[in-house]
Amino acid sequence: VQAVQTIVSQFYDAEFVSLAVPSGVSEQPMSSEETREGAIHRARHAF
């Protein structure tokens, strides 16, 4: 959360909200593809 806030707040005046959302992948992703898929799922669930 802090990483996103630090970067984005340099460019935008924004309200930040963090939500616990599912990744839809293994608790420990075991490939770059599965890890990418987890990031996409989290972003889509958070939107």
PDB file of all heavy atoms in Angstrom:
ATOM      1  N   VAL A   1       0.845  -1.198   0.000  1.00  0.00           N
ATOM      2  CA  VAL A   1       0.000   0.000   0.000  1.00  0.00           C
ATOM      3  C   VAL A   1       0.882   1.251   0.000  1.00  0.00           C
ATOM      4  O   VAL A   1       0.671   2.179  -0.778  1.00  0.00           O
ATOM      5  CB  VAL A   1      -0.964  -0.001   1.207  1.00  0.00           C
ATOM      6  CG1 VAL A   1      -1.662   1.341   1.360  1.00  0.00           C
ATOM      7  CG2 VAL A   1      -1.979  -1.136   1.071  1.00  0.00           C
ATOM      8  N   GLN A   2       1.884   1.262   0.866  1.00  0.00           N
ATOM      9  CA  GLN A   2       2.784   2.414   0.957  1.00  0.00           C
ATOM     10  C   GLN A   2       3.539   2.639  -0.349  1.00  0.00           C
ATOM     11  O   GLN A   2       3.734   3.775  -0.776  1.00  0.00           O
ATOM     12  CB  GLN A   2       3.783   2.227   2.102  1.00  0.00           C
ATOM     13  CG  GLN A   2       4.697   3.416   2.322  1.00  0.00           C
ATOM     14  CD  GLN A   2       3.947   4.666   2.732  1.00  0.00           C
ATOM     15  OE1 GLN A   2       3.072   4.617   3.578  1.00  0.00           O
ATOM     16  NE2 GLN A   2       4.275   5.790   2.127  1.00  0.00           N
ATOM     17  N   ALA A   3       3.940   1.573  -1.010  1.00  0.00           N
ATOM     18  CA  ALA A   3       4.661   1.698  -2.280  1.00  0.00           C
ATOM     19  C   ALA A   3       3.788   2.390  -3.331  1.00  0.00           C
ATOM     20  O   ALA A   3       4.243   3.312  -4.018  1.00  0.00           O
ATOM     21  CB  ALA A   3       5.099   0.320  -2.776  1.00  0.00           C
ATOM     22  N   VAL A   4       2.539   1.959  -3.450  1.00  0.00           N
ATOM     23  CA  VAL A   4       1.639   2.577  -4.423  1.00  0.00           C
ATOM     24  C   VAL A   4       1.388   4.037  -4.053  1.00  0.00           C
ATOM     25  O   VAL A   4       1.478   4.935  -4.903  1.00  0.00           O
ATOM     26  CB  VAL A   4       0.308   1.803  -4.530  1.00  0.00           C
ATOM     27  CG1 VAL A   4      -0.710   2.569  -5.374  1.00  0.00           C
ATOM     28  CG2 VAL A   4       0.535   0.414  -5.102  1.00  0.00           C
ATOM     29  N   GLN A   5       1.113   4.313  -2.789  1.00  0.00           N
ATOM     30  CA  GLN A   5       0.840   5.680  -2.356  1.00  0.00           C
ATOM     31  C   GLN A   5       2.038   6.598  -2.616  1.00  0.00           C
ATOM     32  O   GLN A   5       1.863   7.722  -3.091  1.00  0.00           O
ATOM     33  CB  GLN A   5       0.491   5.709  -0.874  1.00  0.00           C
ATOM     34  CG  GLN A   5      -0.864   5.124  -0.564  1.00  0.00           C
ATOM     35  CD  GLN A   5      -1.146   5.070   0.922  1.00  0.00           C
ATOM     36  OE1 GLN A   5      -0.253   4.986   1.750  1.00  0.00           O
ATOM     37  NE2 GLN A   5      -2.428   5.095   1.269  1.00  0.00           N
ATOM     38  N   THR A   6       3.225   6.127  -2.330  1.00  0.00           N
ATOM     39  CA  THR A   6       4.426   6.941  -2.507  1.00  0.00           C
ATOM     40  C   THR A   6       4.614   7.342  -3.962  1.00  0.00           C
ATOM     41  O   THR A   6       4.896   8.502  -4.267  1.00  0.00           O
ATOM     42  CB  THR A   6       5.674   6.178  -2.004  1.00  0.00           C
ATOM     43  OG1 THR A   6       5.509   5.935  -0.594  1.00  0.00           O
ATOM     44  CG2 THR A   6       6.943   6.970  -2.233  1.00  0.00           C
ATOM     45  N   ILE A   7       4.463   6.399  -4.861  1.00  0.00           N
ATOM     46  CA  ILE A   7       4.664   6.684  -6.283  1.00  0.00           C
ATOM     47  C   ILE A   7       3.526   7.526  -6.850  1.00  0.00           C
ATOM     48  O   ILE A   7       3.738   8.564  -7.475  1.00  0.00           O
ATOM     49  CB  ILE A   7       4.814   5.377  -7.090  1.00  0.00           C
ATOM     50  CG1 ILE A   7       6.056   4.611  -6.631  1.00  0.00           C
ATOM     51  CG2 ILE A   7       4.852   5.655  -8.583  1.00  0.00           C
ATOM     52  CD1 ILE A   7       7.363   5.369  -6.751  1.00  0.00           C
ATOM     53  N   VAL A   8       2.298   7.086  -6.644  1.00  0.00           N
ATOM     54  CA  VAL A   8       1.153   7.741  -7.281  1.00  0.00           C
ATOM     55  C   VAL A   8       0.940   9.158  -6.743  1.00  0.00           C
ATOM     56  O   VAL A   8       0.588  10.063  -7.512  1.00  0.00           O
ATOM     57  CB  VAL A   8      -0.119   6.884  -7.120  1.00  0.00           C
ATOM     58  CG1 VAL A   8      -1.340   7.605  -7.668  1.00  0.00           C
ATOM     59  CG2 VAL A   8       0.057   5.548  -7.819  1.00  0.00           C
ATOM     60  N   SER A   9       1.184   9.383  -5.459  1.00  0.00           N
ATOM     61  CA  SER A   9       0.952  10.714  -4.887  1.00  0.00           C
ATOM     62  C   SER A   9       1.916  11.768  -5.436  1.00  0.00           C
ATOM     63  O   SER A   9       1.671  12.963  -5.282  1.00  0.00           O
ATOM     64  CB  SER A   9       1.012  10.667  -3.363  1.00  0.00           C
ATOM     65  OG  SER A   9       2.298  10.288  -2.930  1.00  0.00           O
ATOM     66  N   GLN A  10       2.975  11.337  -6.096  1.00  0.00           N
ATOM     67  CA  GLN A  10       3.870  12.290  -6.755  1.00  0.00           C
ATOM     68  C   GLN A  10       3.211  12.920  -7.982  1.00  0.00           C
ATOM     69  O   GLN A  10       3.608  13.998  -8.416  1.00  0.00           O
ATOM     70  CB  GLN A  10       5.157  11.593  -7.202  1.00  0.00           C
ATOM     71  CG  GLN A  10       6.021  11.101  -6.070  1.00  0.00           C
ATOM     72  CD  GLN A  10       7.244  10.385  -6.593  1.00  0.00           C
ATOM     73  OE1 GLN A  10       7.927  10.856  -7.486  1.00  0.00           O
ATOM     74  NE2 GLN A  10       7.528   9.222  -6.008  1.00  0.00           N
ATOM     75  N   PHE A  11       2.204  12.258  -8.525  1.00  0.00           N
ATOM     76  CA  PHE A  11       1.576  12.696  -9.765  1.00  0.00           C
ATOM     77  C   PHE A  11       0.115  13.118  -9.611  1.00  0.00           C
ATOM     78  O   PHE A  11      -0.382  13.906 -10.406  1.00  0.00           O
ATOM     79  CB  PHE A  11       1.657  11.582 -10.819  1.00  0.00           C
ATOM     80  CG  PHE A  11       3.062  11.132 -11.085  1.00  0.00           C
ATOM     81  CD1 PHE A  11       3.574   9.989 -10.485  1.00  0.00           C
ATOM     82  CD2 PHE A  11       3.887  11.878 -11.917  1.00  0.00           C
ATOM     83  CE1 PHE A  11       4.882   9.582 -10.724  1.00  0.00           C
ATOM     84  CE2 PHE A  11       5.200  11.481 -12.157  1.00  0.00           C
ATOM     85  CZ  PHE A  11       5.699  10.328 -11.562  1.00  0.00           C
ATOM     86  N   TYR A  12      -0.565  12.562  -8.601  1.00  0.00           N
ATOM     87  CA  TYR A  12      -1.990  12.819  -8.445  1.00  0.00           C
ATOM     88  C   TYR A  12      -2.332  13.132  -6.997  1.00  0.00           C
ATOM     89  O   TYR A  12      -1.752  12.556  -6.077  1.00  0.00           O
ATOM     90  CB  TYR A  12      -2.820  11.590  -8.859  1.00  0.00           C
ATOM     91  CG  TYR A  12      -2.635  11.166 -10.294  1.00  0.00           C
ATOM     92  CD1 TYR A  12      -1.850  10.063 -10.614  1.00  0.00           C
ATOM     93  CD2 TYR A  12      -3.248  11.858 -11.332  1.00  0.00           C
ATOM     94  CE1 TYR A  12      -1.677   9.664 -11.925  1.00  0.00           C
ATOM     95  CE2 TYR A  12      -3.089  11.461 -12.652  1.00  0.00           C
ATOM     96  CZ  TYR A  12      -2.296  10.370 -12.934  1.00  0.00           C
ATOM     97  OH  TYR A  12      -2.128   9.975 -14.235  1.00  0.00           O
ATOM     98  N   ASP A  13      -3.298  14.005  -6.825  1.00  0.00           N
ATOM     99  CA  ASP A  13      -3.893  14.237  -5.518  1.00  0.00           C
ATOM    100  C   ASP A  13      -5.056  13.254  -5.430  1.00  0.00           C
ATOM    101  O   ASP A  13      -6.056  13.416  -6.153  1.00  0.00           O
ATOM    102  CB  ASP A  13      -4.379  15.684  -5.414  1.00  0.00           C
ATOM    103  CG  ASP A  13      -4.978  15.985  -4.052  1.00  0.00           C
ATOM    104  OD1 ASP A  13      -4.630  15.299  -3.071  1.00  0.00           O
ATOM    105  OD2 ASP A  13      -5.814  16.905  -3.980  1.00  0.00           O
ATOM    106  N   ALA A  14      -4.905  12.227  -4.624  1.00  0.00           N
ATOM    107  CA  ALA A  14      -5.876  11.140  -4.654  1.00  0.00           C
ATOM    108  C   ALA A  14      -6.240  10.670  -3.257  1.00  0.00           C
ATOM    109  O   ALA A  14      -5.479  10.827  -2.306  1.00  0.00           O
ATOM    110  CB  ALA A  14      -5.316   9.971  -5.449  1.00  0.00           C
ATOM    111  N   GLU A  15      -7.411  10.060  -3.184  1.00  0.00           N
ATOM    112  CA  GLU A  15      -7.846   9.333  -1.996  1.00  0.00           C
ATOM    113  C   GLU A  15      -7.462   7.876  -2.234  1.00  0.00           C
ATOM    114  O   GLU A  15      -7.788   7.307  -3.279  1.00  0.00           O
ATOM    115  CB  GLU A  15      -9.357   9.449  -1.824  1.00  0.00           C
ATOM    116  CG  GLU A  15      -9.922   8.544  -0.753  1.00  0.00           C
ATOM    117  CD  GLU A  15     -11.448   8.448  -0.794  1.00  0.00           C
ATOM    118  OE1 GLU A  15     -12.090   9.107  -1.627  1.00  0.00           O
ATOM    119  OE2 GLU A  15     -11.981   7.670   0.012  1.00  0.00           O
ATOM    120  N   PHE A  16      -6.752   7.267  -1.291  1.00  0.00           N
ATOM    121  CA  PHE A  16      -6.327   5.873  -1.413  1.00  0.00           C
ATOM    122  C   PHE A  16      -7.148   5.003  -0.473  1.00  0.00           C
ATOM    123  O   PHE A  16      -7.351   5.351   0.686  1.00  0.00           O
ATOM    124  CB  PHE A  16      -4.843   5.720  -1.073  1.00  0.00           C
ATOM    125  CG  PHE A  16      -3.928   6.392  -2.043  1.00  0.00           C
ATOM    126  CD1 PHE A  16      -3.483   7.687  -1.814  1.00  0.00           C
ATOM    127  CD2 PHE A  16      -3.512   5.748  -3.194  1.00  0.00           C
ATOM    128  CE1 PHE A  16      -2.627   8.313  -2.700  1.00  0.00           C
ATOM    129  CE2 PHE A  16      -2.662   6.371  -4.099  1.00  0.00           C
ATOM    130  CZ  PHE A  16      -2.220   7.662  -3.847  1.00  0.00           C
ATOM    131  N   VAL A  17      -7.586   3.869  -0.996  1.00  0.00           N
ATOM    132  CA  VAL A  17      -8.322   2.898  -0.193  1.00  0.00           C
ATOM    133  C   VAL A  17      -7.691   1.534  -0.452  1.00  0.00           C
ATOM    134  O   VAL A  17      -7.438   1.172  -1.611  1.00  0.00           O
ATOM    135  CB  VAL A  17      -9.820   2.858  -0.593  1.00  0.00           C
ATOM    136  CG1 VAL A  17     -10.559   1.785   0.179  1.00  0.00           C
ATOM    137  CG2 VAL A  17     -10.458   4.218  -0.401  1.00  0.00           C
ATOM    138  N   SER A  18      -7.417   0.786   0.614  1.00  0.00           N
ATOM    139  CA  SER A  18      -6.896  -0.569   0.427  1.00  0.00           C
ATOM    140  C   SER A  18      -7.982  -1.575   0.791  1.00  0.00           C
ATOM    141  O   SER A  18      -8.694  -1.406   1.779  1.00  0.00           O
ATOM    142  CB  SER A  18      -5.637  -0.795   1.261  1.00  0.00           C
ATOM    143  OG  SER A  18      -5.922  -0.726   2.637  1.00  0.00           O
ATOM    144  N   LEU A  19      -8.105  -2.595  -0.046  1.00  0.00           N
ATOM    145  CA  LEU A  19      -9.106  -3.638   0.144  1.00  0.00           C
ATOM    146  C   LEU A  19      -8.450  -5.006   0.109  1.00  0.00           C
ATOM    147  O   LEU A  19      -7.575  -5.249  -0.720  1.00  0.00           O
ATOM    148  CB  LEU A  19     -10.154  -3.598  -0.973  1.00  0.00           C
ATOM    149  CG  LEU A  19     -11.017  -2.364  -1.136  1.00  0.00           C
ATOM    150  CD1 LEU A  19     -11.914  -2.526  -2.363  1.00  0.00           C
ATOM    151  CD2 LEU A  19     -11.860  -2.131   0.106  1.00  0.00           C
ATOM    152  N   ALA A  20      -8.902  -5.890   0.972  1.00  0.00           N
ATOM    153  CA  ALA A  20      -8.469  -7.288   0.904  1.00  0.00           C
ATOM    154  C   ALA A  20      -9.277  -7.952  -0.209  1.00  0.00           C
ATOM    155  O   ALA A  20     -10.502  -8.007  -0.142  1.00  0.00           O
ATOM    156  CB  ALA A  20      -8.705  -7.987   2.235  1.00  0.00           C
ATOM    157  N   VAL A  21      -8.597  -8.381  -1.255  1.00  0.00           N
ATOM    158  CA  VAL A  21      -9.266  -9.021  -2.394  1.00  0.00           C
ATOM    159  C   VAL A  21      -8.530 -10.309  -2.740  1.00  0.00           C
ATOM    160  O   VAL A  21      -7.335 -10.445  -2.479  1.00  0.00           O
ATOM    161  CB  VAL A  21      -9.324  -8.086  -3.621  1.00  0.00           C
ATOM    162  CG1 VAL A  21     -10.172  -6.858  -3.331  1.00  0.00           C
ATOM    163  CG2 VAL A  21      -7.940  -7.682  -4.079  1.00  0.00           C
ATOM    164  N   PRO A  22      -9.231 -11.258  -3.358  1.00  0.00           N
ATOM    165  CA  PRO A  22      -8.572 -12.521  -3.720  1.00  0.00           C
ATOM    166  C   PRO A  22      -7.682 -12.379  -4.949  1.00  0.00           C
ATOM    167  O   PRO A  22      -7.958 -11.584  -5.847  1.00  0.00           O
ATOM    168  CB  PRO A  22      -9.752 -13.452  -4.023  1.00  0.00           C
ATOM    169  CG  PRO A  22     -10.850 -12.543  -4.454  1.00  0.00           C
ATOM    170  CD  PRO A  22     -10.659 -11.264  -3.669  1.00  0.00           C
ATOM    171  N   SER A  23      -6.612 -13.168  -4.951  1.00  0.00           N
ATOM    172  CA  SER A  23      -5.719 -13.186  -6.113  1.00  0.00           C
ATOM    173  C   SER A  23      -6.187 -14.195  -7.154  1.00  0.00           C
ATOM    174  O   SER A  23      -5.840 -14.073  -8.323  1.00  0.00           O
ATOM    175  CB  SER A  23      -4.292 -13.524  -5.691  1.00  0.00           C
ATOM    176  OG  SER A  23      -4.214 -14.874  -5.256  1.00  0.00           O
ATOM    177  N   GLY A  24      -6.915 -15.207  -6.707  1.00  0.00           N
ATOM    178  CA  GLY A  24      -7.380 -16.227  -7.633  1.00  0.00           C
ATOM    179  C   GLY A  24      -6.282 -17.191  -8.067  1.00  0.00           C
ATOM    180  O   GLY A  24      -6.490 -17.969  -8.995  1.00  0.00           O
ATOM    181  N   VAL A  25      -5.122 -17.118  -7.421  1.00  0.00           N
ATOM    182  CA  VAL A  25      -4.008 -18.022  -7.732  1.00  0.00           C
ATOM    183  C   VAL A  25      -3.528 -18.673  -6.441  1.00  0.00           C
ATOM    184  O   VAL A  25      -4.035 -18.386  -5.362  1.00  0.00           O
ATOM    185  CB  VAL A  25      -2.839 -17.277  -8.448  1.00  0.00           C
ATOM    186  CG1 VAL A  25      -3.305 -16.692  -9.777  1.00  0.00           C
ATOM    187  CG2 VAL A  25      -2.237 -16.197  -7.566  1.00  0.00           C
ATOM    188  N   SER A  26      -2.520 -19.529  -6.554  1.00  0.00           N
ATOM    189  CA  SER A  26      -1.958 -20.202  -5.377  1.00  0.00           C
ATOM    190  C   SER A  26      -1.459 -19.188  -4.357  1.00  0.00           C
ATOM    191  O   SER A  26      -1.070 -18.070  -4.716  1.00  0.00           O
ATOM    192  CB  SER A  26      -0.761 -21.064  -5.788  1.00  0.00           C
ATOM    193  OG  SER A  26      -1.099 -21.964  -6.801  1.00  0.00           O
ATOM    194  N   GLU A  27      -1.465 -19.590  -3.087  1.00  0.00           N
ATOM    195  CA  GLU A  27      -0.924 -18.716  -2.041  1.00  0.00           C
ATOM    196  C   GLU A  27       0.522 -18.343  -2.357  1.00  0.00           C
ATOM    197  O   GLU A  27       0.955 -17.223  -2.101  1.00  0.00           O
ATOM    198  CB  GLU A  27      -1.013 -19.406  -0.677  1.00  0.00           C
ATOM    199  CG  GLU A  27      -0.652 -18.491   0.470  1.00  0.00           C
ATOM    200  CD  GLU A  27      -0.922 -19.112   1.821  1.00  0.00           C
ATOM    201  OE1 GLU A  27      -1.870 -19.915   1.941  1.00  0.00           O
ATOM    202  OE2 GLU A  27      -0.179 -18.796   2.758  1.00  0.00           O
ATOM    203  N   GLN A  28       1.270 -19.277  -2.927  1.00  0.00           N
ATOM    204  CA  GLN A  28       2.634 -19.021  -3.399  1.00  0.00           C
ATOM    205  C   GLN A  28       2.670 -19.295  -4.892  1.00  0.00           C
ATOM    206  O   GLN A  28       2.860 -20.431  -5.320  1.00  0.00           O
ATOM    207  CB  GLN A  28       3.654 -19.916  -2.686  1.00  0.00           C
ATOM    208  CG  GLN A  28       5.070 -19.780  -3.202  1.00  0.00           C
ATOM    209  CD  GLN A  28       5.602 -18.359  -3.075  1.00  0.00           C
ATOM    210  OE1 GLN A  28       5.895 -17.898  -1.993  1.00  0.00           O
ATOM    211  NE2 GLN A  28       5.722 -17.661  -4.189  1.00  0.00           N
ATOM    212  N   PRO A  29       2.460 -18.260  -5.719  1.00  0.00           N
ATOM    213  CA  PRO A  29       2.521 -18.470  -7.166  1.00  0.00           C
ATOM    214  C   PRO A  29       3.875 -19.050  -7.578  1.00  0.00           C
ATOM    215  O   PRO A  29       4.922 -18.599  -7.095  1.00  0.00           O
ATOM    216  CB  PRO A  29       2.313 -17.071  -7.736  1.00  0.00           C
ATOM    217  CG  PRO A  29       1.592 -16.321  -6.661  1.00  0.00           C
ATOM    218  CD  PRO A  29       2.140 -16.874  -5.381  1.00  0.00           C
ATOM    219  N   MET A  30       3.849 -20.035  -8.473  1.00  0.00           N
ATOM    220  CA  MET A  30       5.062 -20.774  -8.821  1.00  0.00           C
ATOM    221  C   MET A  30       5.552 -20.523 -10.245  1.00  0.00           C
ATOM    222  O   MET A  30       6.335 -21.301 -10.775  1.00  0.00           O
ATOM    223  CB  MET A  30       4.836 -22.269  -8.605  1.00  0.00           C
ATOM    224  CG  MET A  30       4.586 -22.646  -7.151  1.00  0.00           C
ATOM    225  SD  MET A  30       5.948 -22.221  -6.033  1.00  0.00           S
ATOM    226  CE  MET A  30       7.217 -23.334  -6.574  1.00  0.00           C
ATOM    227  N   SER A  31       5.097 -19.432 -10.854  1.00  0.00           N
ATOM    228  CA  SER A  31       5.602 -19.058 -12.178  1.00  0.00           C
ATOM    229  C   SER A  31       5.351 -17.572 -12.376  1.00  0.00           C
ATOM    230  O   SER A  31       4.503 -16.973 -11.700  1.00  0.00           O
ATOM    231  CB  SER A  31       4.908 -19.857 -13.287  1.00  0.00           C
ATOM    232  OG  SER A  31       3.550 -19.454 -13.403  1.00  0.00           O
ATOM    233  N   SER A  32       6.067 -17.003 -13.314  1.00  0.00           N
ATOM    234  CA  SER A  32       5.847 -15.598 -13.639  1.00  0.00           C
ATOM    235  C   SER A  32       4.424 -15.394 -14.165  1.00  0.00           C
ATOM    236  O   SER A  32       3.760 -14.405 -13.838  1.00  0.00           O
ATOM    237  CB  SER A  32       6.884 -15.135 -14.663  1.00  0.00           C
ATOM    238  OG  SER A  32       6.770 -13.755 -14.892  1.00  0.00           O
ATOM    239  N   GLU A  33       3.943 -16.344 -14.954  1.00  0.00           N
ATOM    240  CA  GLU A  33       2.595 -16.244 -15.522  1.00  0.00           C
ATOM    241  C   GLU A  33       1.526 -16.262 -14.428  1.00  0.00           C
ATOM    242  O   GLU A  33       0.579 -15.470 -14.470  1.00  0.00           O
ATOM    243  CB  GLU A  33       2.341 -17.395 -16.517  1.00  0.00           C
ATOM    244  CG  GLU A  33       3.203 -17.341 -17.761  1.00  0.00           C
ATOM    245  CD  GLU A  33       4.624 -17.881 -17.576  1.00  0.00           C
ATOM    246  OE1 GLU A  33       4.934 -18.474 -16.517  1.00  0.00           O
ATOM    247  OE2 GLU A  33       5.437 -17.696 -18.499  1.00  0.00           O
ATOM    248  N   GLU A  34       1.675 -17.167 -13.463  1.00  0.00           N
ATOM    249  CA  GLU A  34       0.704 -17.254 -12.372  1.00  0.00           C
ATOM    250  C   GLU A  34       0.773 -15.997 -11.501  1.00  0.00           C
ATOM    251  O   GLU A  34      -0.259 -15.490 -11.044  1.00  0.00           O
ATOM    252  CB  GLU A  34       0.950 -18.504 -11.522  1.00  0.00           C
ATOM    253  CG  GLU A  34      -0.091 -18.687 -10.434  1.00  0.00           C
ATOM    254  CD  GLU A  34       0.157 -19.894  -9.551  1.00  0.00           C
ATOM    255  OE1 GLU A  34       1.282 -20.453  -9.552  1.00  0.00           O
ATOM    256  OE2 GLU A  34      -0.787 -20.272  -8.830  1.00  0.00           O
ATOM    257  N   THR A  35       1.966 -15.473 -11.285  1.00  0.00           N
ATOM    258  CA  THR A  35       2.139 -14.265 -10.484  1.00  0.00           C
ATOM    259  C   THR A  35       1.469 -13.079 -11.167  1.00  0.00           C
ATOM    260  O   THR A  35       0.765 -12.291 -10.536  1.00  0.00           O
ATOM    261  CB  THR A  35       3.638 -13.990 -10.246  1.00  0.00           C
ATOM    262  OG1 THR A  35       4.232 -15.161  -9.666  1.00  0.00           O
ATOM    263  CG2 THR A  35       3.840 -12.823  -9.313  1.00  0.00           C
ATOM    264  N   ARG A  36       1.672 -12.944 -12.478  1.00  0.00           N
ATOM    265  CA  ARG A  36       1.026 -11.871 -13.259  1.00  0.00           C
ATOM    266  C   ARG A  36      -0.490 -11.995 -13.182  1.00  0.00           C
ATOM    267  O   ARG A  36      -1.205 -11.019 -12.990  1.00  0.00           O
ATOM    268  CB  ARG A  36       1.495 -11.931 -14.708  1.00  0.00           C
ATOM    269  CG  ARG A  36       0.875 -10.865 -15.588  1.00  0.00           C
ATOM    270  CD  ARG A  36       1.442 -10.951 -17.026  1.00  0.00           C
ATOM    271  NE  ARG A  36       0.845  -9.964 -17.888  1.00  0.00           N
ATOM    272  CZ  ARG A  36      -0.252 -10.165 -18.615  1.00  0.00           C
ATOM    273  NH1 ARG A  36      -0.872 -11.347 -18.603  1.00  0.00           N
ATOM    274  NH2 ARG A  36      -0.734  -9.196 -19.366  1.00  0.00           N
ATOM    275  N   GLU A  37      -0.982 -13.216 -13.332  1.00  0.00           N
ATOM    276  CA  GLU A  37      -2.420 -13.458 -13.262  1.00  0.00           C
ATOM    277  C   GLU A  37      -2.977 -13.015 -11.906  1.00  0.00           C
ATOM    278  O   GLU A  37      -4.050 -12.404 -11.830  1.00  0.00           O
ATOM    279  CB  GLU A  37      -2.704 -14.949 -13.496  1.00  0.00           C
ATOM    280  CG  GLU A  37      -4.165 -15.313 -13.510  1.00  0.00           C
ATOM    281  CD  GLU A  37      -4.383 -16.805 -13.723  1.00  0.00           C
ATOM    282  OE1 GLU A  37      -3.494 -17.494 -14.251  1.00  0.00           O
ATOM    283  OE2 GLU A  37      -5.473 -17.273 -13.352  1.00  0.00           O
ATOM    284  N   GLY A  38      -2.244 -13.296 -10.836  1.00  0.00           N
ATOM    285  CA  GLY A  38      -2.680 -12.881  -9.495  1.00  0.00           C
ATOM    286  C   GLY A  38      -2.765 -11.371  -9.361  1.00  0.00           C
ATOM    287  O   GLY A  38      -3.711 -10.839  -8.764  1.00  0.00           O
ATOM    288  N   ALA A  39      -1.802 -10.649  -9.919  1.00  0.00           N
ATOM    289  CA  ALA A  39      -1.828  -9.181  -9.877  1.00  0.00           C
ATOM    290  C   ALA A  39      -3.041  -8.644 -10.636  1.00  0.00           C
ATOM    291  O   ALA A  39      -3.722  -7.724 -10.168  1.00  0.00           O
ATOM    292  CB  ALA A  39      -0.530  -8.614 -10.457  1.00  0.00           C
ATOM    293  N   ILE A  40      -3.310  -9.221 -11.791  1.00  0.00           N
ATOM    294  CA  ILE A  40      -4.462  -8.781 -12.594  1.00  0.00           C
ATOM    295  C   ILE A  40      -5.766  -9.043 -11.846  1.00  0.00           C
ATOM    296  O   ILE A  40      -6.640  -8.173 -11.772  1.00  0.00           O
ATOM    297  CB  ILE A  40      -4.469  -9.474 -13.972  1.00  0.00           C
ATOM    298  CG1 ILE A  40      -3.284  -8.986 -14.812  1.00  0.00           C
ATOM    299  CG2 ILE A  40      -5.791  -9.236 -14.701  1.00  0.00           C
ATOM    300  CD1 ILE A  40      -3.033  -9.790 -16.080  1.00  0.00           C
ATOM    301  N   HIS A  41      -5.895 -10.227 -11.258  1.00  0.00           N
ATOM    302  CA  HIS A  41      -7.116 -10.548 -10.505  1.00  0.00           C
ATOM    303  C   HIS A  41      -7.318  -9.571  -9.359  1.00  0.00           C
ATOM    304  O   HIS A  41      -8.434  -9.098  -9.127  1.00  0.00           O
ATOM    305  CB  HIS A  41      -7.049 -11.976  -9.945  1.00  0.00           C
ATOM    306  CG  HIS A  41      -7.269 -13.041 -10.955  1.00  0.00           C
ATOM    307  ND1 HIS A  41      -8.398 -13.809 -11.017  1.00  0.00           N
ATOM    308  CD2 HIS A  41      -6.479 -13.478 -11.961  1.00  0.00           C
ATOM    309  CE1 HIS A  41      -8.308 -14.665 -12.003  1.00  0.00           C
ATOM    310  NE2 HIS A  41      -7.139 -14.477 -12.596  1.00  0.00           N
ATOM    311  N   ARG A  42      -6.243  -9.276  -8.630  1.00  0.00           N
ATOM    312  CA  ARG A  42      -6.358  -8.347  -7.494  1.00  0.00           C
ATOM    313  C   ARG A  42      -6.822  -6.967  -7.961  1.00  0.00           C
ATOM    314  O   ARG A  42      -7.690  -6.345  -7.343  1.00  0.00           O
ATOM    315  CB  ARG A  42      -5.033  -8.234  -6.749  1.00  0.00           C
ATOM    316  CG  ARG A  42      -4.696  -9.458  -5.925  1.00  0.00           C
ATOM    317  CD  ARG A  42      -3.403  -9.234  -5.131  1.00  0.00           C
ATOM    318  NE  ARG A  42      -2.962 -10.443  -4.475  1.00  0.00           N
ATOM    319  CZ  ARG A  42      -3.452 -10.916  -3.340  1.00  0.00           C
ATOM    320  NH1 ARG A  42      -4.433 -10.286  -2.727  1.00  0.00           N
ATOM    321  NH2 ARG A  42      -2.964 -12.027  -2.808  1.00  0.00           N
ATOM    322  N   ALA A  43      -6.223  -6.474  -9.045  1.00  0.00           N
ATOM    323  CA  ALA A  43      -6.605  -5.147  -9.548  1.00  0.00           C
ATOM    324  C   ALA A  43      -8.062  -5.141 -10.014  1.00  0.00           C
ATOM    325  O   ALA A  43      -8.808  -4.198  -9.729  1.00  0.00           O
ATOM    326  CB  ALA A  43      -5.669  -4.730 -10.672  1.00  0.00           C
ATOM    327  N   ARG A  44      -8.473  -6.176 -10.718  1.00  0.00           N
ATOM    328  CA  ARG A  44      -9.857  -6.232 -11.223  1.00  0.00           C
ATOM    329  C   ARG A  44     -10.867  -6.349 -10.092  1.00  0.00           C
ATOM    330  O   ARG A  44     -11.924  -5.726 -10.131  1.00  0.00           O
ATOM    331  CB  ARG A  44     -10.008  -7.376 -12.225  1.00  0.00           C
ATOM    332  CG  ARG A  44      -9.316  -7.053 -13.536  1.00  0.00           C
ATOM    333  CD  ARG A  44      -9.514  -8.113 -14.585  1.00  0.00           C
ATOM    334  NE  ARG A  44      -8.875  -7.700 -15.830  1.00  0.00           N
ATOM    335  CZ  ARG A  44      -8.550  -8.530 -16.805  1.00  0.00           C
ATOM    336  NH1 ARG A  44      -8.830  -9.824 -16.697  1.00  0.00           N
ATOM    337  NH2 ARG A  44      -7.968  -8.068 -17.896  1.00  0.00           N
ATOM    338  N   HIS A  45     -10.546  -7.145  -9.063  1.00  0.00           N
ATOM    339  CA  HIS A  45     -11.440  -7.262  -7.913  1.00  0.00           C
ATOM    340  C   HIS A  45     -11.500  -5.953  -7.127  1.00  0.00           C
ATOM    341  O   HIS A  45     -12.519  -5.639  -6.516  1.00  0.00           O
ATOM    342  CB  HIS A  45     -10.993  -8.389  -6.983  1.00  0.00           C
ATOM    343  CG  HIS A  45     -11.297  -9.761  -7.493  1.00  0.00           C
ATOM    344  ND1 HIS A  45     -12.569 -10.237  -7.691  1.00  0.00           N
ATOM    345  CD2 HIS A  45     -10.477 -10.773  -7.853  1.00  0.00           C
ATOM    346  CE1 HIS A  45     -12.528 -11.474  -8.149  1.00  0.00           C
ATOM    347  NE2 HIS A  45     -11.261 -11.826  -8.261  1.00  0.00           N
ATOM    348  N   ALA A  46     -10.415  -5.197  -7.142  1.00  0.00           N
ATOM    349  CA  ALA A  46     -10.361  -3.938  -6.393  1.00  0.00           C
ATOM    350  C   ALA A  46     -11.053  -2.794  -7.121  1.00  0.00           C
ATOM    351  O   ALA A  46     -11.398  -1.787  -6.505  1.00  0.00           O
ATOM    352  CB  ALA A  46      -8.902  -3.567  -6.113  1.00  0.00           C
ATOM    353  N   PHE A  47     -11.261  -2.930  -8.419  1.00  0.00           N
ATOM    354  CA  PHE A  47     -11.887  -1.853  -9.188  1.00  0.00           C
ATOM    355  C   PHE A  47     -13.386  -1.843  -8.900  1.00  0.00           C
ATOM    356  O   PHE A  47     -14.190  -2.451  -9.595  1.00  0.00           O
ATOM    357  CB  PHE A  47     -11.606  -2.002 -10.688  1.00  0.00           C
ATOM    358  CG  PHE A  47     -11.942  -0.760 -11.466  1.00  0.00           C
ATOM    359  CD1 PHE A  47     -11.092   0.332 -11.445  1.00  0.00           C
ATOM    360  CD2 PHE A  47     -13.108  -0.672 -12.195  1.00  0.00           C
ATOM    361  CE1 PHE A  47     -11.395   1.492 -12.140  1.00  0.00           C
ATOM    362  CE2 PHE A  47     -13.423   0.477 -12.909  1.00  0.00           C
ATOM    363  CZ  PHE A  47     -12.572   1.560 -12.876  1.00  0.00           C
TER     364      PHE A  47
END
